[in-house]
Amino acid sequence: LGQLRAERGAGAIIDKRAIYLGFESIDLTDAAIARLDQVLGNGTVDQATPEPVSPADRPAPVPATP
């Protein structure tokens, strides 16, 4: 977000709920969301079934201590 702020020449990024009066032309909300989606992903999770783990890949059980 800091990079986006610098690219747009903004002095700060402020939650728009804290703004009483402003201009739509300086609202970076959509650009900020798009940038976060690009960098972090859009929050969706791949619902594909995971591959089963073969017995050779499983860790050996830890013996119980008396």
PDB file of N, CA and C in Angstrom:
ATOM      1  N   LEU A   1       0.820  -1.192   0.000  1.00  0.00           N
ATOM      2  CA  LEU A   1       0.000   0.000   0.000  1.00  0.00           C
ATOM      3  C   LEU A   1       0.863   1.255   0.000  1.00  0.00           C
ATOM      4  N   GLY A   2       1.999   1.170   0.667  1.00  0.00           N
ATOM      5  CA  GLY A   2       2.900   2.319   0.667  1.00  0.00           C
ATOM      6  C   GLY A   2       3.398   2.648  -0.734  1.00  0.00           C
ATOM      7  N   GLN A   3       3.666   1.605  -1.520  1.00  0.00           N
ATOM      8  CA  GLN A   3       4.104   1.815  -2.901  1.00  0.00           C
ATOM      9  C   GLN A   3       2.987   2.464  -3.717  1.00  0.00           C
ATOM     10  N   LEU A   4       1.753   1.996  -3.541  1.00  0.00           N
ATOM     11  CA  LEU A   4       0.613   2.585  -4.242  1.00  0.00           C
ATOM     12  C   LEU A   4       0.439   4.053  -3.837  1.00  0.00           C
ATOM     13  N   ARG A   5       0.581   4.334  -2.543  1.00  0.00           N
ATOM     14  CA  ARG A   5       0.471   5.711  -2.062  1.00  0.00           C
ATOM     15  C   ARG A   5       1.499   6.592  -2.748  1.00  0.00           C
ATOM     16  N   ALA A   6       2.741   6.110  -2.842  1.00  0.00           N
ATOM     17  CA  ALA A   6       3.797   6.891  -3.482  1.00  0.00           C
ATOM     18  C   ALA A   6       3.537   7.063  -4.979  1.00  0.00           C
ATOM     19  N   GLU A   7       3.089   5.993  -5.646  1.00  0.00           N
ATOM     20  CA  GLU A   7       2.803   6.071  -7.082  1.00  0.00           C
ATOM     21  C   GLU A   7       1.732   7.108  -7.389  1.00  0.00           C
ATOM     22  N   ARG A   8       0.740   7.205  -6.523  1.00  0.00           N
ATOM     23  CA  ARG A   8      -0.367   8.137  -6.754  1.00  0.00           C
ATOM     24  C   ARG A   8      -0.114   9.516  -6.155  1.00  0.00           C
ATOM     25  N   GLY A   9       1.003   9.688  -5.463  1.00  0.00           N
ATOM     26  CA  GLY A   9       1.322  10.975  -4.867  1.00  0.00           C
ATOM     27  C   GLY A   9       0.425  11.330  -3.694  1.00  0.00           C
ATOM     28  N   ALA A  10      -0.116  10.322  -3.038  1.00  0.00           N
ATOM     29  CA  ALA A  10      -0.996  10.565  -1.894  1.00  0.00           C
ATOM     30  C   ALA A  10      -0.153  10.831  -0.652  1.00  0.00           C
ATOM     31  N   GLY A  11      -0.670  11.658   0.228  1.00  0.00           N
ATOM     32  CA  GLY A  11       0.026  11.946   1.475  1.00  0.00           C
ATOM     33  C   GLY A  11      -0.230  10.889   2.527  1.00  0.00           C
ATOM     34  N   ALA A  12      -1.358  10.203   2.410  1.00  0.00           N
ATOM     35  CA  ALA A  12      -1.740   9.201   3.406  1.00  0.00           C
ATOM     36  C   ALA A  12      -2.805   8.292   2.812  1.00  0.00           C
ATOM     37  N   ILE A  13      -2.987   7.152   3.444  1.00  0.00           N
ATOM     38  CA  ILE A  13      -4.108   6.272   3.118  1.00  0.00           C
ATOM     39  C   ILE A  13      -4.976   6.231   4.363  1.00  0.00           C
ATOM     40  N   ILE A  14      -6.202   6.700   4.218  1.00  0.00           N
ATOM     41  CA  ILE A  14      -7.110   6.849   5.352  1.00  0.00           C
ATOM     42  C   ILE A  14      -8.406   6.107   5.057  1.00  0.00           C
ATOM     43  N   ASP A  15      -8.935   5.427   6.050  1.00  0.00           N
ATOM     44  CA  ASP A  15     -10.235   4.757   5.918  1.00  0.00           C
ATOM     45  C   ASP A  15     -11.281   5.801   5.561  1.00  0.00           C
ATOM     46  N   LYS A  16     -12.034   5.559   4.475  1.00  0.00           N
ATOM     47  CA  LYS A  16     -12.972   6.593   4.022  1.00  0.00           C
ATOM     48  C   LYS A  16     -14.096   6.845   5.008  1.00  0.00           C
ATOM     49  N   ARG A  17     -14.301   5.957   5.970  1.00  0.00           N
ATOM     50  CA  ARG A  17     -15.315   6.214   6.999  1.00  0.00           C
ATOM     51  C   ARG A  17     -14.878   7.340   7.927  1.00  0.00           C
ATOM     52  N   ALA A  18     -13.582   7.666   7.909  1.00  0.00           N
ATOM     53  CA  ALA A  18     -13.066   8.743   8.750  1.00  0.00           C
ATOM     54  C   ALA A  18     -13.090  10.096   8.032  1.00  0.00           C
ATOM     55  N   ILE A  19     -13.516  10.106   6.777  1.00  0.00           N
ATOM     56  CA  ILE A  19     -13.525  11.332   5.977  1.00  0.00           C
ATOM     57  C   ILE A  19     -14.924  11.933   5.962  1.00  0.00           C
ATOM     58  N   TYR A  20     -15.029  13.183   6.323  1.00  0.00           N
ATOM     59  CA  TYR A  20     -16.318  13.878   6.315  1.00  0.00           C
ATOM     60  C   TYR A  20     -16.637  14.388   4.916  1.00  0.00           C
ATOM     61  N   LEU A  21     -15.650  14.949   4.235  1.00  0.00           N
ATOM     62  CA  LEU A  21     -15.845  15.499   2.898  1.00  0.00           C
ATOM     63  C   LEU A  21     -14.594  15.200   2.092  1.00  0.00           C
ATOM     64  N   GLY A  22     -14.770  14.685   0.892  1.00  0.00           N
ATOM     65  CA  GLY A  22     -13.612  14.352   0.064  1.00  0.00           C
ATOM     66  C   GLY A  22     -13.980  14.362  -1.405  1.00  0.00           C
ATOM     67  N   PHE A  23     -13.041  13.988  -2.231  1.00  0.00           N
ATOM     68  CA  PHE A  23     -13.230  13.960  -3.676  1.00  0.00           C
ATOM     69  C   PHE A  23     -13.024  12.536  -4.178  1.00  0.00           C
ATOM     70  N   GLU A  24     -13.918  12.070  -5.031  1.00  0.00           N
ATOM     71  CA  GLU A  24     -13.800  10.725  -5.592  1.00  0.00           C
ATOM     72  C   GLU A  24     -12.503  10.551  -6.375  1.00  0.00           C
ATOM     73  N   SER A  25     -12.003  11.624  -6.966  1.00  0.00           N
ATOM     74  CA  SER A  25     -10.799  11.526  -7.794  1.00  0.00           C
ATOM     75  C   SER A  25      -9.559  11.134  -7.000  1.00  0.00           C
ATOM     76  N   ILE A  26      -9.589  11.302  -5.684  1.00  0.00           N
ATOM     77  CA  ILE A  26      -8.430  10.930  -4.879  1.00  0.00           C
ATOM     78  C   ILE A  26      -8.665   9.656  -4.080  1.00  0.00           C
ATOM     79  N   ASP A  27      -9.789   8.998  -4.295  1.00  0.00           N
ATOM     80  CA  ASP A  27     -10.106   7.759  -3.582  1.00  0.00           C
ATOM     81  C   ASP A  27      -9.311   6.612  -4.196  1.00  0.00           C
ATOM     82  N   LEU A  28      -8.443   5.989  -3.415  1.00  0.00           N
ATOM     83  CA  LEU A  28      -7.594   4.891  -3.877  1.00  0.00           C
ATOM     84  C   LEU A  28      -8.147   3.521  -3.500  1.00  0.00           C
ATOM     85  N   THR A  29      -9.360   3.453  -2.975  1.00  0.00           N
ATOM     86  CA  THR A  29      -9.896   2.194  -2.454  1.00  0.00           C
ATOM     87  C   THR A  29      -9.860   1.079  -3.485  1.00  0.00           C
ATOM     88  N   ASP A  30     -10.424   1.307  -4.665  1.00  0.00           N
ATOM     89  CA  ASP A  30     -10.460   0.255  -5.684  1.00  0.00           C
ATOM     90  C   ASP A  30      -9.057  -0.154  -6.122  1.00  0.00           C
ATOM     91  N   ALA A  31      -8.174   0.822  -6.285  1.00  0.00           N
ATOM     92  CA  ALA A  31      -6.796   0.523  -6.678  1.00  0.00           C
ATOM     93  C   ALA A  31      -6.076  -0.250  -5.580  1.00  0.00           C
ATOM     94  N   ALA A  32      -6.332   0.106  -4.316  1.00  0.00           N
ATOM     95  CA  ALA A  32      -5.695  -0.591  -3.198  1.00  0.00           C
ATOM     96  C   ALA A  32      -6.163  -2.038  -3.126  1.00  0.00           C
ATOM     97  N   ILE A  33      -7.448  -2.269  -3.302  1.00  0.00           N
ATOM     98  CA  ILE A  33      -7.978  -3.635  -3.275  1.00  0.00           C
ATOM     99  C   ILE A  33      -7.396  -4.449  -4.422  1.00  0.00           C
ATOM    100  N   ALA A  34      -7.344  -3.865  -5.614  1.00  0.00           N
ATOM    101  CA  ALA A  34      -6.780  -4.569  -6.768  1.00  0.00           C
ATOM    102  C   ALA A  34      -5.313  -4.913  -6.536  1.00  0.00           C
ATOM    103  N   ARG A  35      -4.559  -3.985  -5.943  1.00  0.00           N
ATOM    104  CA  ARG A  35      -3.141  -4.240  -5.681  1.00  0.00           C
ATOM    105  C   ARG A  35      -2.964  -5.342  -4.645  1.00  0.00           C
ATOM    106  N   LEU A  36      -3.771  -5.313  -3.586  1.00  0.00           N
ATOM    107  CA  LEU A  36      -3.681  -6.362  -2.573  1.00  0.00           C
ATOM    108  C   LEU A  36      -4.051  -7.720  -3.155  1.00  0.00           C
ATOM    109  N   ASP A  37      -5.081  -7.761  -3.998  1.00  0.00           N
ATOM    110  CA  ASP A  37      -5.456  -9.013  -4.653  1.00  0.00           C
ATOM    111  C   ASP A  37      -4.323  -9.524  -5.537  1.00  0.00           C
ATOM    112  N   GLN A  38      -3.646  -8.610  -6.218  1.00  0.00           N
ATOM    113  CA  GLN A  38      -2.548  -8.986  -7.100  1.00  0.00           C
ATOM    114  C   GLN A  38      -1.380  -9.558  -6.298  1.00  0.00           C
ATOM    115  N   VAL A  39      -1.055  -8.937  -5.186  1.00  0.00           N
ATOM    116  CA  VAL A  39       0.104  -9.337  -4.396  1.00  0.00           C
ATOM    117  C   VAL A  39      -0.204 -10.517  -3.475  1.00  0.00           C
ATOM    118  N   LEU A  40      -1.352 -10.468  -2.801  1.00  0.00           N
ATOM    119  CA  LEU A  40      -1.676 -11.475  -1.797  1.00  0.00           C
ATOM    120  C   LEU A  40      -2.643 -12.543  -2.278  1.00  0.00           C
ATOM    121  N   GLY A  41      -3.307 -12.308  -3.387  1.00  0.00           N
ATOM    122  CA  GLY A  41      -4.363 -13.206  -3.836  1.00  0.00           C
ATOM    123  C   GLY A  41      -5.701 -12.625  -3.418  1.00  0.00           C
ATOM    124  N   ASN A  42      -6.758 -13.180  -3.974  1.00  0.00           N
ATOM    125  CA  ASN A  42      -8.078 -12.604  -3.714  1.00  0.00           C
ATOM    126  C   ASN A  42      -8.811 -13.268  -2.557  1.00  0.00           C
ATOM    127  N   GLY A  43      -8.142 -14.139  -1.823  1.00  0.00           N
ATOM    128  CA  GLY A  43      -8.759 -14.740  -0.643  1.00  0.00           C
ATOM    129  C   GLY A  43      -9.449 -16.059  -0.902  1.00  0.00           C
ATOM    130  N   THR A  44      -9.537 -16.475  -2.162  1.00  0.00           N
ATOM    131  CA  THR A  44     -10.161 -17.768  -2.429  1.00  0.00           C
ATOM    132  C   THR A  44      -9.170 -18.879  -2.128  1.00  0.00           C
ATOM    133  N   VAL A  45      -9.694 -20.016  -1.777  1.00  0.00           N
ATOM    134  CA  VAL A  45      -8.871 -21.173  -1.449  1.00  0.00           C
ATOM    135  C   VAL A  45      -9.168 -22.258  -2.461  1.00  0.00           C
ATOM    136  N   ASP A  46      -8.127 -22.892  -2.951  1.00  0.00           N
ATOM    137  CA  ASP A  46      -8.304 -23.994  -3.889  1.00  0.00           C
ATOM    138  C   ASP A  46      -8.980 -25.141  -3.148  1.00  0.00           C
ATOM    139  N   GLN A  47     -10.139 -25.531  -3.617  1.00  0.00           N
ATOM    140  CA  GLN A  47     -10.923 -26.571  -2.956  1.00  0.00           C
ATOM    141  C   GLN A  47     -10.609 -27.968  -3.488  1.00  0.00           C
ATOM    142  N   ALA A  48      -9.529 -28.106  -4.242  1.00  0.00           N
ATOM    143  CA  ALA A  48      -9.162 -29.413  -4.780  1.00  0.00           C
ATOM    144  C   ALA A  48      -8.853 -30.374  -3.636  1.00  0.00           C
ATOM    145  N   THR A  49      -9.173 -31.632  -3.850  1.00  0.00           N
ATOM    146  CA  THR A  49      -8.900 -32.654  -2.843  1.00  0.00           C
ATOM    147  C   THR A  49      -7.395 -32.881  -2.777  1.00  0.00           C
ATOM    148  N   PRO A  50      -6.818 -32.836  -1.584  1.00  0.00           N
ATOM    149  CA  PRO A  50      -5.373 -33.051  -1.475  1.00  0.00           C
ATOM    150  C   PRO A  50      -5.010 -34.492  -1.821  1.00  0.00           C
ATOM    151  N   GLU A  51      -3.804 -34.658  -2.324  1.00  0.00           N
ATOM    152  CA  GLU A  51      -3.315 -35.995  -2.651  1.00  0.00           C
ATOM    153  C   GLU A  51      -3.108 -36.771  -1.358  1.00  0.00           C
ATOM    154  N   PRO A  52      -3.487 -38.059  -1.336  1.00  0.00           N
ATOM    155  CA  PRO A  52      -3.272 -38.851  -0.123  1.00  0.00           C
ATOM    156  C   PRO A  52      -1.778 -39.036   0.136  1.00  0.00           C
ATOM    157  N   VAL A  53      -1.418 -39.116   1.396  1.00  0.00           N
ATOM    158  CA  VAL A  53      -0.030 -39.313   1.795  1.00  0.00           C
ATOM    159  C   VAL A  53       0.236 -40.805   1.840  1.00  0.00           C
ATOM    160  N   SER A  54       1.308 -41.232   1.165  1.00  0.00           N
ATOM    161  CA  SER A  54       1.637 -42.659   1.170  1.00  0.00           C
ATOM    162  C   SER A  54       2.236 -43.028   2.522  1.00  0.00           C
ATOM    163  N   PRO A  55       2.110 -44.297   2.927  1.00  0.00           N
ATOM    164  CA  PRO A  55       2.659 -44.715   4.233  1.00  0.00           C
ATOM    165  C   PRO A  55       4.141 -44.403   4.375  1.00  0.00           C
ATOM    166  N   ALA A  56       4.899 -44.451   3.280  1.00  0.00           N
ATOM    167  CA  ALA A  56       6.332 -44.170   3.354  1.00  0.00           C
ATOM    168  C   ALA A  56       6.598 -42.704   3.675  1.00  0.00           C
ATOM    169  N   ASP A  57       5.660 -41.820   3.340  1.00  0.00           N
ATOM    170  CA  ASP A  57       5.836 -40.389   3.589  1.00  0.00           C
ATOM    171  C   ASP A  57       5.380 -39.964   4.980  1.00  0.00           C
ATOM    172  N   ARG A  58       4.667 -40.835   5.670  1.00  0.00           N
ATOM    173  CA  ARG A  58       4.179 -40.496   7.013  1.00  0.00           C
ATOM    174  C   ARG A  58       5.310 -40.645   8.023  1.00  0.00           C
ATOM    175  N   PRO A  59       5.354 -39.788   9.020  1.00  0.00           N
ATOM    176  CA  PRO A  59       6.385 -39.939  10.055  1.00  0.00           C
ATOM    177  C   PRO A  59       6.111 -41.178  10.901  1.00  0.00           C
ATOM    178  N   ALA A  60       7.180 -41.761  11.406  1.00  0.00           N
ATOM    179  CA  ALA A  60       7.046 -42.947  12.264  1.00  0.00           C
ATOM    180  C   ALA A  60       6.400 -42.538  13.576  1.00  0.00           C
ATOM    181  N   PRO A  61       5.555 -43.405  14.144  1.00  0.00           N
ATOM    182  CA  PRO A  61       4.936 -43.066  15.431  1.00  0.00           C
ATOM    183  C   PRO A  61       5.985 -42.964  16.532  1.00  0.00           C
ATOM    184  N   VAL A  62       5.743 -42.074  17.464  1.00  0.00           N
ATOM    185  CA  VAL A  62       6.645 -41.888  18.598  1.00  0.00           C
ATOM    186  C   VAL A  62       6.236 -42.868  19.684  1.00  0.00           C
ATOM    187  N   PRO A  63       7.190 -43.682  20.177  1.00  0.00           N
ATOM    188  CA  PRO A  63       6.824 -44.646  21.230  1.00  0.00           C
ATOM    189  C   PRO A  63       6.452 -43.924  22.525  1.00  0.00           C
ATOM    190  N   ALA A  64       5.508 -44.484  23.234  1.00  0.00           N
ATOM    191  CA  ALA A  64       5.082 -43.911  24.516  1.00  0.00           C
ATOM    192  C   ALA A  64       6.173 -44.125  25.547  1.00  0.00           C
ATOM    193  N   THR A  65       6.371 -43.143  26.414  1.00  0.00           N
ATOM    194  CA  THR A  65       7.367 -43.279  27.479  1.00  0.00           C
ATOM    195  C   THR A  65       6.676 -43.772  28.738  1.00  0.00           C
ATOM    196  N   PRO A  66       7.324 -44.693  29.439  1.00  0.00           N
ATOM    197  CA  PRO A  66       6.686 -45.246  30.663  1.00  0.00           C
ATOM    198  C   PRO A  66       6.620 -44.266  31.800  1.00  0.00           C
TER     199      PRO A  66
END
